[in-house]
Amino acid sequence: QVQLVESGGDLVQSGGSLRLSCVASGSISSSNTMGWYRQAPGEQREFVAYITNGGVTNYVDSMKDRFTIYRDNAKNTVYLQMNSLEPEDTAIYYCNLANWNSRNRDYVAYWGQGTQVTVSS
């Protein structure tokens, strides 16, 4: 079993910055991908960015100039540095881990409980 705990969400003014953290614990495979999603009120959850254990990253186009994802494999922690925040970035941000299951030979997805980011205008 895997647990994910996010932190770092806060109320910030437009133009400000935040850094989100997500710590993974439990049976974590050496082959995994960690990422961030977000869900605004009344909207569906959307992809933000991911990073593989090898450091390969991918972002949604609209955020890649302002957000940076990185990880510390020794700490099983993924971060999301968010700069130039806008009110439209207000959402609950969820951490995701795609964990390789060698028995089933597929990836199993885990989610954190989310951390609230609110950007005021």
Protein backbone atom coordinates (compact mmCIF):
# COMPACT_ATOMS: atom_id res chain seq x y z
CA GLN A 1 0.00 0.00 0.00
CA VAL A 2 1.08 3.55 -0.72
CA GLN A 3 0.20 6.79 1.04
CA LEU A 4 0.60 10.28 -0.37
CA VAL A 5 0.52 13.41 1.76
CA GLU A 6 0.48 16.84 0.14
CA SER A 7 1.32 20.15 1.76
CA GLY A 8 2.07 23.72 0.80
CA GLY A 9 -1.32 24.95 -0.29
CA ASP A 10 -2.19 28.45 0.87
CA LEU A 11 -3.90 31.73 0.09
CA VAL A 12 -1.68 33.90 -2.08
CA GLN A 13 -2.09 37.10 -4.04
CA SER A 14 -2.09 37.20 -7.81
CA GLY A 15 1.48 37.17 -9.08
CA GLY A 16 2.73 35.27 -6.06
CA SER A 17 4.42 31.91 -5.76
CA LEU A 18 3.87 28.68 -3.89
CA ARG A 19 5.68 25.39 -3.62
CA LEU A 20 3.65 22.24 -3.12
CA SER A 21 5.16 19.08 -1.70
CA CYS A 22 3.99 15.48 -1.76
CA VAL A 23 5.62 12.76 0.29
CA ALA A 24 5.04 9.15 -0.69
CA SER A 25 5.40 6.29 1.77
CA GLY A 26 4.79 2.57 1.74
CA SER A 27 5.58 0.02 -0.97
CA ILE A 28 7.00 2.29 -3.61
CA SER A 29 8.43 0.72 -6.72
CA SER A 30 11.73 1.89 -8.17
CA SER A 31 9.77 2.44 -11.38
CA ASN A 32 7.15 5.08 -10.85
CA THR A 33 5.86 8.40 -12.04
CA MET A 34 4.69 11.16 -9.74
CA GLY A 35 2.52 14.00 -10.82
CA TRP A 36 0.12 16.77 -9.98
CA TYR A 37 -3.47 17.30 -10.95
CA ARG A 38 -5.88 20.00 -9.93
CA GLN A 39 -9.62 20.46 -9.61
CA ALA A 40 -11.30 23.83 -9.53
CA PRO A 41 -14.81 24.26 -8.10
CA GLY A 42 -17.38 22.88 -10.49
CA GLU A 43 -14.71 21.57 -12.86
CA GLN A 44 -13.24 18.19 -13.65
CA ARG A 45 -9.86 17.19 -12.34
CA GLU A 46 -7.16 18.15 -14.83
CA PHE A 47 -3.57 17.15 -15.41
CA VAL A 48 -0.85 19.63 -14.46
CA ALA A 49 2.52 17.87 -14.72
CA TYR A 50 4.36 14.62 -14.11
CA ILE A 51 7.91 13.47 -13.57
CA THR A 52 9.27 9.95 -13.89
CA ASN A 53 11.73 8.44 -11.45
CA GLY A 54 14.32 9.05 -14.15
CA GLY A 55 13.54 12.77 -14.23
CA VAL A 56 11.56 12.99 -17.45
CA THR A 57 8.92 15.68 -17.15
CA ASN A 58 5.75 16.62 -18.95
CA TYR A 59 3.47 19.60 -18.47
CA VAL A 60 0.17 20.83 -19.71
CA ASP A 61 1.07 23.54 -22.22
CA SER A 62 -0.75 26.34 -20.45
CA MET A 63 1.31 25.95 -17.26
CA LYS A 64 4.77 24.92 -18.38
CA ASP A 65 6.13 28.47 -18.37
CA ARG A 66 5.04 29.13 -14.79
CA PHE A 67 5.15 25.74 -13.05
CA THR A 68 8.12 23.47 -12.42
CA ILE A 69 7.91 19.90 -11.20
CA TYR A 70 10.89 18.18 -9.61
CA ARG A 71 11.52 15.36 -7.21
CA ASP A 72 13.87 14.02 -4.59
CA ASN A 73 13.95 10.27 -5.05
CA ALA A 74 15.81 9.71 -1.80
CA LYS A 75 12.92 11.33 0.06
CA ASN A 76 10.15 9.95 -2.19
CA THR A 77 8.97 13.51 -2.53
CA VAL A 78 7.70 15.45 -5.51
CA TYR A 79 7.42 19.21 -5.63
CA LEU A 80 5.50 21.68 -7.74
CA GLN A 81 6.93 25.18 -7.86
CA MET A 82 4.25 27.57 -9.02
CA ASN A 83 5.13 31.12 -10.03
CA SER A 84 3.12 34.05 -11.35
CA LEU A 85 -0.03 32.59 -9.90
CA GLU A 86 -3.36 33.79 -11.23
CA PRO A 87 -6.87 33.57 -9.78
CA GLU A 88 -7.58 30.89 -12.40
CA ASP A 89 -5.06 28.67 -10.66
CA THR A 90 -7.34 28.43 -7.64
CA ALA A 91 -8.06 24.74 -7.10
CA ILE A 92 -7.41 21.72 -4.97
CA TYR A 93 -4.10 20.25 -6.08
CA TYR A 94 -3.75 16.49 -5.92
CA CYS A 95 -0.62 14.41 -5.93
CA ASN A 96 -0.62 11.24 -8.00
CA LEU A 97 1.73 8.27 -8.00
CA ALA A 98 1.73 5.65 -10.74
CA ASN A 99 3.45 2.73 -9.07
CA TRP A 100 4.74 -0.27 -11.01
CA ASN A 101 3.25 -3.56 -9.89
CA SER A 102 5.65 -6.28 -10.98
CA ARG A 103 3.21 -9.11 -10.30
CA ASN A 104 0.48 -7.71 -12.51
CA ARG A 105 2.94 -5.94 -14.79
CA ASP A 106 1.00 -2.72 -14.78
CA TYR A 107 0.93 0.61 -12.99
CA VAL A 108 -1.36 1.23 -10.04
CA ALA A 109 -2.47 4.79 -9.36
CA TYR A 110 -2.59 6.36 -5.92
CA TRP A 111 -3.90 9.77 -4.91
CA GLY A 112 -3.32 12.14 -2.05
CA GLN A 113 -6.05 13.96 -0.21
CA GLY A 114 -5.34 17.28 -1.92
CA THR A 115 -4.12 20.68 -0.82
CA GLN A 116 -6.04 23.91 -1.40
CA VAL A 117 -4.48 26.71 -3.40
CA THR A 118 -6.37 29.98 -3.48
CA VAL A 119 -5.16 32.94 -5.51
CA SER A 120 -6.77 36.29 -4.80
CA SER A 121 -6.95 39.06 -7.37
